[in-house]
PDB file of N, CA and C in Angstrom:
ATOM      1  N   MET A   1       1.145  15.647  -5.157  1.00  0.00           N
ATOM      2  CA  MET A   1       0.993  14.353  -5.785  1.00  0.00           C
ATOM      3  C   MET A   1      -0.420  13.821  -5.632  1.00  0.00           C
ATOM      4  N   GLY A   2      -1.050  14.106  -4.501  1.00  0.00           N
ATOM      5  CA  GLY A   2      -2.404  13.627  -4.286  1.00  0.00           C
ATOM      6  C   GLY A   2      -3.383  14.179  -5.297  1.00  0.00           C
ATOM      7  N   ILE A   3      -3.266  15.464  -5.613  1.00  0.00           N
ATOM      8  CA  ILE A   3      -4.150  16.079  -6.601  1.00  0.00           C
ATOM      9  C   ILE A   3      -3.881  15.492  -7.975  1.00  0.00           C
ATOM     10  N   THR A   4      -2.621  15.307  -8.308  1.00  0.00           N
ATOM     11  CA  THR A   4      -2.262  14.712  -9.591  1.00  0.00           C
ATOM     12  C   THR A   4      -2.823  13.301  -9.716  1.00  0.00           C
ATOM     13  N   SER A   5      -2.685  12.518  -8.671  1.00  0.00           N
ATOM     14  CA  SER A   5      -3.186  11.144  -8.734  1.00  0.00           C
ATOM     15  C   SER A   5      -4.704  11.108  -8.782  1.00  0.00           C
ATOM     16  N   GLY A   6      -5.352  12.040  -8.102  1.00  0.00           N
ATOM     17  CA  GLY A   6      -6.807  12.105  -8.155  1.00  0.00           C
ATOM     18  C   GLY A   6      -7.316  12.431  -9.545  1.00  0.00           C
ATOM     19  N   LYS A   7      -6.603  13.287 -10.250  1.00  0.00           N
ATOM     20  CA  LYS A   7      -6.986  13.645 -11.614  1.00  0.00           C
ATOM     21  C   LYS A   7      -6.788  12.492 -12.585  1.00  0.00           C
ATOM     22  N   LYS A   8      -5.876  11.599 -12.272  1.00  0.00           N
ATOM     23  CA  LYS A   8      -5.551  10.498 -13.184  1.00  0.00           C
ATOM     24  C   LYS A   8      -6.248   9.189 -12.842  1.00  0.00           C
ATOM     25  N   ILE A   9      -7.182   9.218 -11.922  1.00  0.00           N
ATOM     26  CA  ILE A   9      -7.856   7.983 -11.520  1.00  0.00           C
ATOM     27  C   ILE A   9      -8.672   7.383 -12.663  1.00  0.00           C
ATOM     28  N   GLY A  10      -9.131   8.218 -13.579  1.00  0.00           N
ATOM     29  CA  GLY A  10      -9.899   7.716 -14.723  1.00  0.00           C
ATOM     30  C   GLY A  10      -9.097   6.752 -15.566  1.00  0.00           C
ATOM     31  N   THR A  11      -7.830   7.031 -15.780  1.00  0.00           N
ATOM     32  CA  THR A  11      -6.964   6.139 -16.546  1.00  0.00           C
ATOM     33  C   THR A  11      -6.820   4.795 -15.844  1.00  0.00           C
ATOM     34  N   LEU A  12      -6.699   4.830 -14.530  1.00  0.00           N
ATOM     35  CA  LEU A  12      -6.586   3.595 -13.761  1.00  0.00           C
ATOM     36  C   LEU A  12      -7.858   2.766 -13.866  1.00  0.00           C
ATOM     37  N   ILE A  13      -8.999   3.412 -13.771  1.00  0.00           N
ATOM     38  CA  ILE A  13     -10.272   2.705 -13.856  1.00  0.00           C
ATOM     39  C   ILE A  13     -10.465   2.104 -15.247  1.00  0.00           C
ATOM     40  N   ASN A  14     -10.019   2.816 -16.279  1.00  0.00           N
ATOM     41  CA  ASN A  14     -10.145   2.303 -17.647  1.00  0.00           C
ATOM     42  C   ASN A  14      -9.274   1.075 -17.896  1.00  0.00           C
ATOM     43  N   LYS A  15      -8.221   0.898 -17.126  1.00  0.00           N
ATOM     44  CA  LYS A  15      -7.330  -0.262 -17.296  1.00  0.00           C
ATOM     45  C   LYS A  15      -7.950  -1.561 -16.806  1.00  0.00           C
ATOM     46  N   GLY A  16      -9.002  -1.476 -16.027  1.00  0.00           N
ATOM     47  CA  GLY A  16      -9.670  -2.684 -15.559  1.00  0.00           C
ATOM     48  C   GLY A  16      -9.490  -2.924 -14.079  1.00  0.00           C
ATOM     49  N   SER A  17     -10.062  -4.011 -13.630  1.00  0.00           N
ATOM     50  CA  SER A  17     -10.089  -4.297 -12.197  1.00  0.00           C
ATOM     51  C   SER A  17      -8.796  -4.919 -11.669  1.00  0.00           C
ATOM     52  N   ALA A  18      -7.949  -5.426 -12.525  1.00  0.00           N
ATOM     53  CA  ALA A  18      -6.724  -6.083 -12.053  1.00  0.00           C
ATOM     54  C   ALA A  18      -5.833  -5.110 -11.276  1.00  0.00           C
ATOM     55  N   ALA A  19      -5.687  -3.901 -11.768  1.00  0.00           N
ATOM     56  CA  ALA A  19      -4.851  -2.910 -11.075  1.00  0.00           C
ATOM     57  C   ALA A  19      -5.469  -2.507  -9.745  1.00  0.00           C
ATOM     58  N   LEU A  20      -6.778  -2.370  -9.707  1.00  0.00           N
ATOM     59  CA  LEU A  20      -7.450  -2.017  -8.461  1.00  0.00           C
ATOM     60  C   LEU A  20      -7.311  -3.124  -7.422  1.00  0.00           C
ATOM     61  N   ILE A  21      -7.489  -4.345  -7.852  1.00  0.00           N
ATOM     62  CA  ILE A  21      -7.354  -5.488  -6.942  1.00  0.00           C
ATOM     63  C   ILE A  21      -5.918  -5.595  -6.436  1.00  0.00           C
ATOM     64  N   PHE A  22      -4.952  -5.422  -7.327  1.00  0.00           N
ATOM     65  CA  PHE A  22      -3.549  -5.483  -6.951  1.00  0.00           C
ATOM     66  C   PHE A  22      -3.217  -4.407  -5.915  1.00  0.00           C
ATOM     67  N   ALA A  23      -3.760  -3.202  -6.093  1.00  0.00           N
ATOM     68  CA  ALA A  23      -3.478  -2.083  -5.193  1.00  0.00           C
ATOM     69  C   ALA A  23      -4.016  -2.328  -3.787  1.00  0.00           C
ATOM     70  N   ILE A  24      -4.958  -3.238  -3.638  1.00  0.00           N
ATOM     71  CA  ILE A  24      -5.511  -3.552  -2.325  1.00  0.00           C
ATOM     72  C   ILE A  24      -4.924  -4.843  -1.765  1.00  0.00           C
ATOM     73  N   VAL A  25      -4.836  -5.872  -2.583  1.00  0.00           N
ATOM     74  CA  VAL A  25      -4.466  -7.203  -2.105  1.00  0.00           C
ATOM     75  C   VAL A  25      -2.998  -7.292  -1.668  1.00  0.00           C
ATOM     76  N   ILE A  26      -2.086  -6.798  -2.464  1.00  0.00           N
ATOM     77  CA  ILE A  26      -0.659  -6.958  -2.157  1.00  0.00           C
ATOM     78  C   ILE A  26      -0.259  -6.239  -0.862  1.00  0.00           C
ATOM     79  N   PRO A  27      -0.639  -4.973  -0.658  1.00  0.00           N
ATOM     80  CA  PRO A  27      -0.282  -4.341   0.615  1.00  0.00           C
ATOM     81  C   PRO A  27      -0.918  -5.026   1.821  1.00  0.00           C
ATOM     82  N   ILE A  28      -2.166  -5.469   1.684  1.00  0.00           N
ATOM     83  CA  ILE A  28      -2.823  -6.164   2.790  1.00  0.00           C
ATOM     84  C   ILE A  28      -2.118  -7.496   3.070  1.00  0.00           C
ATOM     85  N   MET A  29      -1.725  -8.207   2.018  1.00  0.00           N
ATOM     86  CA  MET A  29      -0.985  -9.461   2.224  1.00  0.00           C
ATOM     87  C   MET A  29       0.323  -9.200   2.968  1.00  0.00           C
ATOM     88  N   ASN A  30       1.057  -8.170   2.563  1.00  0.00           N
ATOM     89  CA  ASN A  30       2.316  -7.841   3.239  1.00  0.00           C
ATOM     90  C   ASN A  30       2.085  -7.497   4.705  1.00  0.00           C
ATOM     91  N   GLY A  31       1.105  -6.658   4.977  1.00  0.00           N
ATOM     92  CA  GLY A  31       0.821  -6.251   6.352  1.00  0.00           C
ATOM     93  C   GLY A  31       0.355  -7.396   7.223  1.00  0.00           C
ATOM     94  N   VAL A  32      -0.530  -8.235   6.688  1.00  0.00           N
ATOM     95  CA  VAL A  32      -1.046  -9.377   7.451  1.00  0.00           C
ATOM     96  C   VAL A  32       0.064 -10.386   7.727  1.00  0.00           C
ATOM     97  N   LEU A  33       0.886 -10.640   6.735  1.00  0.00           N
ATOM     98  CA  LEU A  33       1.991 -11.587   6.915  1.00  0.00           C
ATOM     99  C   LEU A  33       2.945 -11.115   8.010  1.00  0.00           C
ATOM    100  N   ILE A  34       3.323  -9.875   7.980  1.00  0.00           N
ATOM    101  CA  ILE A  34       4.228  -9.342   9.000  1.00  0.00           C
ATOM    102  C   ILE A  34       3.536  -9.267  10.356  1.00  0.00           C
ATOM    103  N   ALA A  35       2.258  -8.904  10.374  1.00  0.00           N
ATOM    104  CA  ALA A  35       1.527  -8.856  11.648  1.00  0.00           C
ATOM    105  C   ALA A  35       1.465 -10.246  12.275  1.00  0.00           C
ATOM    106  N   ALA A  36       1.264 -11.273  11.453  1.00  0.00           N
ATOM    107  CA  ALA A  36       1.177 -12.639  11.964  1.00  0.00           C
ATOM    108  C   ALA A  36       2.511 -13.114  12.534  1.00  0.00           C
ATOM    109  N   PHE A  37       3.596 -12.724  11.914  1.00  0.00           N
ATOM    110  CA  PHE A  37       4.915 -13.182  12.348  1.00  0.00           C
ATOM    111  C   PHE A  37       5.663 -12.163  13.203  1.00  0.00           C
ATOM    112  N   SER A  38       5.033 -11.048  13.513  1.00  0.00           N
ATOM    113  CA  SER A  38       5.738 -10.003  14.261  1.00  0.00           C
ATOM    114  C   SER A  38       6.127 -10.451  15.661  1.00  0.00           C
ATOM    115  N   GLY A  39       5.395 -11.386  16.238  1.00  0.00           N
ATOM    116  CA  GLY A  39       5.749 -11.903  17.558  1.00  0.00           C
ATOM    117  C   GLY A  39       7.103 -12.592  17.559  1.00  0.00           C
ATOM    118  N   LEU A  40       7.503 -13.132  16.411  1.00  0.00           N
ATOM    119  CA  LEU A  40       8.810 -13.767  16.295  1.00  0.00           C
ATOM    120  C   LEU A  40       9.929 -12.741  16.089  1.00  0.00           C
ATOM    121  N   LEU A  41       9.558 -11.590  15.566  1.00  0.00           N
ATOM    122  CA  LEU A  41      10.558 -10.587  15.220  1.00  0.00           C
ATOM    123  C   LEU A  41      10.782  -9.549  16.309  1.00  0.00           C
ATOM    124  N   VAL A  42       9.715  -9.126  16.973  1.00  0.00           N
ATOM    125  CA  VAL A  42       9.803  -8.095  18.004  1.00  0.00           C
ATOM    126  C   VAL A  42       9.019  -8.540  19.227  1.00  0.00           C
ATOM    127  N   HIS A  43       9.262  -7.914  20.348  1.00  0.00           N
ATOM    128  CA  HIS A  43       8.644  -8.362  21.596  1.00  0.00           C
ATOM    129  C   HIS A  43       7.463  -7.525  22.047  1.00  0.00           C
ATOM    130  N   ARG A  44       7.315  -6.315  21.526  1.00  0.00           N
ATOM    131  CA  ARG A  44       6.218  -5.449  21.951  1.00  0.00           C
ATOM    132  C   ARG A  44       5.195  -5.323  20.825  1.00  0.00           C
ATOM    133  N   GLN A  45       3.916  -5.217  21.193  1.00  0.00           N
ATOM    134  CA  GLN A  45       2.852  -5.106  20.206  1.00  0.00           C
ATOM    135  C   GLN A  45       2.995  -3.854  19.346  1.00  0.00           C
ATOM    136  N   GLY A  46       3.380  -2.754  19.945  1.00  0.00           N
ATOM    137  CA  GLY A  46       3.544  -1.507  19.190  1.00  0.00           C
ATOM    138  C   GLY A  46       4.597  -1.617  18.111  1.00  0.00           C
ATOM    139  N   ASP A  47       5.683  -2.319  18.421  1.00  0.00           N
ATOM    140  CA  ASP A  47       6.736  -2.514  17.427  1.00  0.00           C
ATOM    141  C   ASP A  47       6.240  -3.381  16.273  1.00  0.00           C
ATOM    142  N   GLY A  48       5.502  -4.418  16.602  1.00  0.00           N
ATOM    143  CA  GLY A  48       4.941  -5.283  15.564  1.00  0.00           C
ATOM    144  C   GLY A  48       3.936  -4.546  14.699  1.00  0.00           C
ATOM    145  N   PHE A  49       3.142  -3.693  15.327  1.00  0.00           N
ATOM    146  CA  PHE A  49       2.162  -2.892  14.591  1.00  0.00           C
ATOM    147  C   PHE A  49       2.864  -1.953  13.623  1.00  0.00           C
ATOM    148  N   LEU A  50       3.890  -1.272  14.101  1.00  0.00           N
ATOM    149  CA  LEU A  50       4.643  -0.368  13.228  1.00  0.00           C
ATOM    150  C   LEU A  50       5.315  -1.123  12.086  1.00  0.00           C
ATOM    151  N   LEU A  51       5.850  -2.280  12.376  1.00  0.00           N
ATOM    152  CA  LEU A  51       6.502  -3.084  11.356  1.00  0.00           C
ATOM    153  C   LEU A  51       5.507  -3.519  10.278  1.00  0.00           C
ATOM    154  N   SER A  52       4.309  -3.916  10.690  1.00  0.00           N
ATOM    155  CA  SER A  52       3.306  -4.331   9.706  1.00  0.00           C
ATOM    156  C   SER A  52       2.801  -3.140   8.892  1.00  0.00           C
ATOM    157  N   ILE A  53       2.704  -1.969   9.505  1.00  0.00           N
ATOM    158  CA  ILE A  53       2.312  -0.777   8.746  1.00  0.00           C
ATOM    159  C   ILE A  53       3.375  -0.446   7.703  1.00  0.00           C
ATOM    160  N   LEU A  54       4.627  -0.524   8.097  1.00  0.00           N
ATOM    161  CA  LEU A  54       5.701  -0.250   7.137  1.00  0.00           C
ATOM    162  C   LEU A  54       5.718  -1.271   6.005  1.00  0.00           C
ATOM    163  N   ALA A  55       5.465  -2.526   6.313  1.00  0.00           N
ATOM    164  CA  ALA A  55       5.446  -3.561   5.282  1.00  0.00           C
ATOM    165  C   ALA A  55       4.309  -3.332   4.290  1.00  0.00           C
ATOM    166  N   SER A  56       3.166  -2.902   4.790  1.00  0.00           N
ATOM    167  CA  SER A  56       2.032  -2.696   3.890  1.00  0.00           C
ATOM    168  C   SER A  56       2.090  -1.365   3.172  1.00  0.00           C
ATOM    169  N   SER A  57       2.821  -0.403   3.695  1.00  0.00           N
ATOM    170  CA  SER A  57       2.846   0.915   3.081  1.00  0.00           C
ATOM    171  C   SER A  57       4.058   1.142   2.192  1.00  0.00           C
ATOM    172  N   ALA A  58       4.908   0.175   2.062  1.00  0.00           N
ATOM    173  CA  ALA A  58       6.105   0.358   1.248  1.00  0.00           C
ATOM    174  C   ALA A  58       5.747   0.742  -0.184  1.00  0.00           C
ATOM    175  N   CYS A  59       4.598   0.281  -0.647  1.00  0.00           N
ATOM    176  CA  CYS A  59       4.225   0.581  -2.026  1.00  0.00           C
ATOM    177  C   CYS A  59       3.954   2.062  -2.242  1.00  0.00           C
ATOM    178  N   TYR A  60       3.282   2.730  -1.345  1.00  0.00           N
ATOM    179  CA  TYR A  60       3.004   4.140  -1.613  1.00  0.00           C
ATOM    180  C   TYR A  60       4.060   5.069  -1.059  1.00  0.00           C
ATOM    181  N   ILE A  61       4.988   4.573  -0.287  1.00  0.00           N
ATOM    182  CA  ILE A  61       6.106   5.405   0.142  1.00  0.00           C
ATOM    183  C   ILE A  61       7.169   5.425  -0.958  1.00  0.00           C
ATOM    184  N   ALA A  62       7.485   4.278  -1.488  1.00  0.00           N
ATOM    185  CA  ALA A  62       8.583   4.171  -2.442  1.00  0.00           C
ATOM    186  C   ALA A  62       8.170   4.391  -3.893  1.00  0.00           C
ATOM    187  N   VAL A  63       6.956   4.029  -4.239  1.00  0.00           N
ATOM    188  CA  VAL A  63       6.559   4.067  -5.641  1.00  0.00           C
ATOM    189  C   VAL A  63       6.672   5.458  -6.235  1.00  0.00           C
ATOM    190  N   ALA A  64       6.086   6.417  -5.588  1.00  0.00           N
ATOM    191  CA  ALA A  64       6.055   7.764  -6.160  1.00  0.00           C
ATOM    192  C   ALA A  64       7.448   8.324  -6.385  1.00  0.00           C
ATOM    193  N   ALA A  65       8.346   8.080  -5.479  1.00  0.00           N
ATOM    194  CA  ALA A  65       9.695   8.638  -5.591  1.00  0.00           C
ATOM    195  C   ALA A  65      10.596   7.827  -6.514  1.00  0.00           C
ATOM    196  N   ASP A  66      10.415   6.534  -6.582  1.00  0.00           N
ATOM    197  CA  ASP A  66      11.377   5.683  -7.280  1.00  0.00           C
ATOM    198  C   ASP A  66      10.954   5.187  -8.656  1.00  0.00           C
ATOM    199  N   MET A  67       9.707   5.306  -9.013  1.00  0.00           N
ATOM    200  CA  MET A  67       9.280   4.731 -10.284  1.00  0.00           C
ATOM    201  C   MET A  67       9.836   5.478 -11.494  1.00  0.00           C
ATOM    202  N   ARG A  68       9.843   6.785 -11.466  1.00  0.00           N
ATOM    203  CA  ARG A  68      10.298   7.526 -12.653  1.00  0.00           C
ATOM    204  C   ARG A  68      11.751   7.203 -12.995  1.00  0.00           C
ATOM    205  N   PRO A  69      12.702   7.249 -12.045  1.00  0.00           N
ATOM    206  CA  PRO A  69      14.074   6.888 -12.420  1.00  0.00           C
ATOM    207  C   PRO A  69      14.246   5.391 -12.704  1.00  0.00           C
ATOM    208  N   ALA A  70      13.494   4.559 -12.002  1.00  0.00           N
ATOM    209  CA  ALA A  70      13.664   3.112 -12.174  1.00  0.00           C
ATOM    210  C   ALA A  70      13.035   2.604 -13.464  1.00  0.00           C
ATOM    211  N   ALA A  71      11.894   3.160 -13.805  1.00  0.00           N
ATOM    212  CA  ALA A  71      11.187   2.728 -15.012  1.00  0.00           C
ATOM    213  C   ALA A  71      10.662   3.974 -15.728  1.00  0.00           C
ATOM    214  N   PRO A  72      11.498   4.644 -16.498  1.00  0.00           N
ATOM    215  CA  PRO A  72      11.104   5.916 -17.094  1.00  0.00           C
ATOM    216  C   PRO A  72       9.909   5.816 -18.046  1.00  0.00           C
ATOM    217  N   LYS A  73       9.665   4.645 -18.603  1.00  0.00           N
ATOM    218  CA  LYS A  73       8.541   4.487 -19.531  1.00  0.00           C
ATOM    219  C   LYS A  73       7.241   4.088 -18.825  1.00  0.00           C
ATOM    220  N   ALA A  74       7.299   3.930 -17.503  1.00  0.00           N
ATOM    221  CA  ALA A  74       6.095   3.577 -16.739  1.00  0.00           C
ATOM    222  C   ALA A  74       5.113   4.740 -16.776  1.00  0.00           C
ATOM    223  N   ASN A  75       3.853   4.410 -16.789  1.00  0.00           N
ATOM    224  CA  ASN A  75       2.791   5.400 -16.889  1.00  0.00           C
ATOM    225  C   ASN A  75       2.413   5.908 -15.492  1.00  0.00           C
ATOM    226  N   PRO A  76       2.730   7.166 -15.163  1.00  0.00           N
ATOM    227  CA  PRO A  76       2.403   7.674 -13.830  1.00  0.00           C
ATOM    228  C   PRO A  76       0.905   7.758 -13.574  1.00  0.00           C
ATOM    229  N   SER A  77       0.106   7.736 -14.624  1.00  0.00           N
ATOM    230  CA  SER A  77      -1.344   7.765 -14.423  1.00  0.00           C
ATOM    231  C   SER A  77      -1.858   6.413 -13.937  1.00  0.00           C
ATOM    232  N   LEU A  78      -0.992   5.420 -13.861  1.00  0.00           N
ATOM    233  CA  LEU A  78      -1.368   4.132 -13.275  1.00  0.00           C
ATOM    234  C   LEU A  78      -0.807   3.974 -11.868  1.00  0.00           C
ATOM    235  N   TYR A  79       0.493   4.173 -11.703  1.00  0.00           N
ATOM    236  CA  TYR A  79       1.073   3.878 -10.390  1.00  0.00           C
ATOM    237  C   TYR A  79       0.783   4.935  -9.332  1.00  0.00           C
ATOM    238  N   LEU A  80       0.615   6.191  -9.697  1.00  0.00           N
ATOM    239  CA  LEU A  80       0.277   7.199  -8.682  1.00  0.00           C
ATOM    240  C   LEU A  80      -1.125   6.996  -8.105  1.00  0.00           C
ATOM    241  N   PRO A  81      -2.160   6.834  -8.935  1.00  0.00           N
ATOM    242  CA  PRO A  81      -3.483   6.584  -8.333  1.00  0.00           C
ATOM    243  C   PRO A  81      -3.556   5.265  -7.568  1.00  0.00           C
ATOM    244  N   MET A  82      -2.842   4.249  -8.048  1.00  0.00           N
ATOM    245  CA  MET A  82      -2.847   2.975  -7.312  1.00  0.00           C
ATOM    246  C   MET A  82      -2.311   3.184  -5.907  1.00  0.00           C
ATOM    247  N   ALA A  83      -1.206   3.901  -5.805  1.00  0.00           N
ATOM    248  CA  ALA A  83      -0.560   4.074  -4.504  1.00  0.00           C
ATOM    249  C   ALA A  83      -1.283   5.078  -3.612  1.00  0.00           C
ATOM    250  N   LEU A  84      -1.659   6.214  -4.168  1.00  0.00           N
ATOM    251  CA  LEU A  84      -2.130   7.310  -3.326  1.00  0.00           C
ATOM    252  C   LEU A  84      -3.647   7.412  -3.177  1.00  0.00           C
ATOM    253  N   THR A  85      -4.405   6.920  -4.148  1.00  0.00           N
ATOM    254  CA  THR A  85      -5.861   7.034  -4.014  1.00  0.00           C
ATOM    255  C   THR A  85      -6.550   5.710  -3.716  1.00  0.00           C
ATOM    256  N   ILE A  86      -5.856   4.602  -3.888  1.00  0.00           N
ATOM    257  CA  ILE A  86      -6.454   3.304  -3.574  1.00  0.00           C
ATOM    258  C   ILE A  86      -5.803   2.707  -2.321  1.00  0.00           C
ATOM    259  N   THR A  87      -4.510   2.436  -2.390  1.00  0.00           N
ATOM    260  CA  THR A  87      -3.827   1.728  -1.308  1.00  0.00           C
ATOM    261  C   THR A  87      -3.780   2.528  -0.008  1.00  0.00           C
ATOM    262  N   PHE A  88      -3.394   3.789  -0.086  1.00  0.00           N
ATOM    263  CA  PHE A  88      -3.236   4.581   1.130  1.00  0.00           C
ATOM    264  C   PHE A  88      -4.531   4.699   1.934  1.00  0.00           C
ATOM    265  N   PRO A  89      -5.651   5.134   1.349  1.00  0.00           N
ATOM    266  CA  PRO A  89      -6.879   5.229   2.156  1.00  0.00           C
ATOM    267  C   PRO A  89      -7.374   3.870   2.650  1.00  0.00           C
ATOM    268  N   PHE A  90      -7.234   2.841   1.823  1.00  0.00           N
ATOM    269  CA  PHE A  90      -7.658   1.511   2.236  1.00  0.00           C
ATOM    270  C   PHE A  90      -6.836   1.031   3.421  1.00  0.00           C
ATOM    271  N   ASN A  91      -5.541   1.272   3.361  1.00  0.00           N
ATOM    272  CA  ASN A  91      -4.657   0.844   4.439  1.00  0.00           C
ATOM    273  C   ASN A  91      -4.954   1.586   5.740  1.00  0.00           C
ATOM    274  N   ILE A  92      -5.258   2.864   5.641  1.00  0.00           N
ATOM    275  CA  ILE A  92      -5.559   3.655   6.837  1.00  0.00           C
ATOM    276  C   ILE A  92      -6.879   3.212   7.468  1.00  0.00           C
ATOM    277  N   THR A  93      -7.912   3.014   6.664  1.00  0.00           N
ATOM    278  CA  THR A  93      -9.243   2.723   7.203  1.00  0.00           C
ATOM    279  C   THR A  93      -9.436   1.272   7.607  1.00  0.00           C
ATOM    280  N   LEU A  94      -8.950   0.343   6.814  1.00  0.00           N
ATOM    281  CA  LEU A  94      -9.197  -1.071   7.100  1.00  0.00           C
ATOM    282  C   LEU A  94      -7.936  -1.863   7.435  1.00  0.00           C
ATOM    283  N   GLY A  95      -6.819  -1.501   6.834  1.00  0.00           N
ATOM    284  CA  GLY A  95      -5.592  -2.259   7.040  1.00  0.00           C
ATOM    285  C   GLY A  95      -5.035  -2.145   8.442  1.00  0.00           C
ATOM    286  N   MET A  96      -4.911  -0.936   8.941  1.00  0.00           N
ATOM    287  CA  MET A  96      -4.322  -0.751  10.269  1.00  0.00           C
ATOM    288  C   MET A  96      -5.125  -1.425  11.376  1.00  0.00           C
ATOM    289  N   PRO A  97      -6.455  -1.299  11.397  1.00  0.00           N
ATOM    290  CA  PRO A  97      -7.206  -2.047  12.418  1.00  0.00           C
ATOM    291  C   PRO A  97      -7.052  -3.567  12.280  1.00  0.00           C
ATOM    292  N   LEU A  98      -6.947  -4.036  11.035  1.00  0.00           N
ATOM    293  CA  LEU A  98      -6.752  -5.471  10.810  1.00  0.00           C
ATOM    294  C   LEU A  98      -5.405  -5.933  11.362  1.00  0.00           C
ATOM    295  N   TYR A  99      -4.344  -5.185  11.136  1.00  0.00           N
ATOM    296  CA  TYR A  99      -3.028  -5.565  11.639  1.00  0.00           C
ATOM    297  C   TYR A  99      -3.001  -5.590  13.163  1.00  0.00           C
ATOM    298  N   MET A 100      -3.618  -4.592  13.773  1.00  0.00           N
ATOM    299  CA  MET A 100      -3.649  -4.547  15.231  1.00  0.00           C
ATOM    300  C   MET A 100      -4.451  -5.717  15.805  1.00  0.00           C
ATOM    301  N   PHE A 101      -5.548  -6.074  15.147  1.00  0.00           N
ATOM    302  CA  PHE A 101      -6.346  -7.217  15.580  1.00  0.00           C
ATOM    303  C   PHE A 101      -5.529  -8.510  15.514  1.00  0.00           C
ATOM    304  N   ILE A 102      -4.789  -8.679  14.442  1.00  0.00           N
ATOM    305  CA  ILE A 102      -3.961  -9.884  14.281  1.00  0.00           C
ATOM    306  C   ILE A 102      -2.863  -9.918  15.342  1.00  0.00           C
ATOM    307  N   ILE A 103      -2.239  -8.797  15.606  1.00  0.00           N
ATOM    308  CA  ILE A 103      -1.151  -8.744  16.577  1.00  0.00           C
ATOM    309  C   ILE A 103      -1.654  -9.038  17.984  1.00  0.00           C
ATOM    310  N   GLN A 104      -2.826  -8.513  18.312  1.00  0.00           N
ATOM    311  CA  GLN A 104      -3.363  -8.739  19.667  1.00  0.00           C
ATOM    312  C   GLN A 104      -3.858 -10.152  19.797  1.00  0.00           C
TER     313      GLN A 104
END
């Protein structure tokens, strides 16, 4: 899937900046929100960190597997690159350290 999404990044870029911004902002909002409130939900920092990672990564875990049956007319050249080439690397490099900083 990674190779397929990498090949289709041109289609995503041609659609404009809204899709790129969405692929970064929504997962970060989910992760930050859960990281901020994780102290109310769990008692250990590691649990809160894992919970915020799961909240921010739900888009690239579920999208690839569930979009085709859920929305058969959806364009995979948009949702695959959004999830796998934009959100995933951004979340790994900047999102996870941000969530841990908020939790601590």
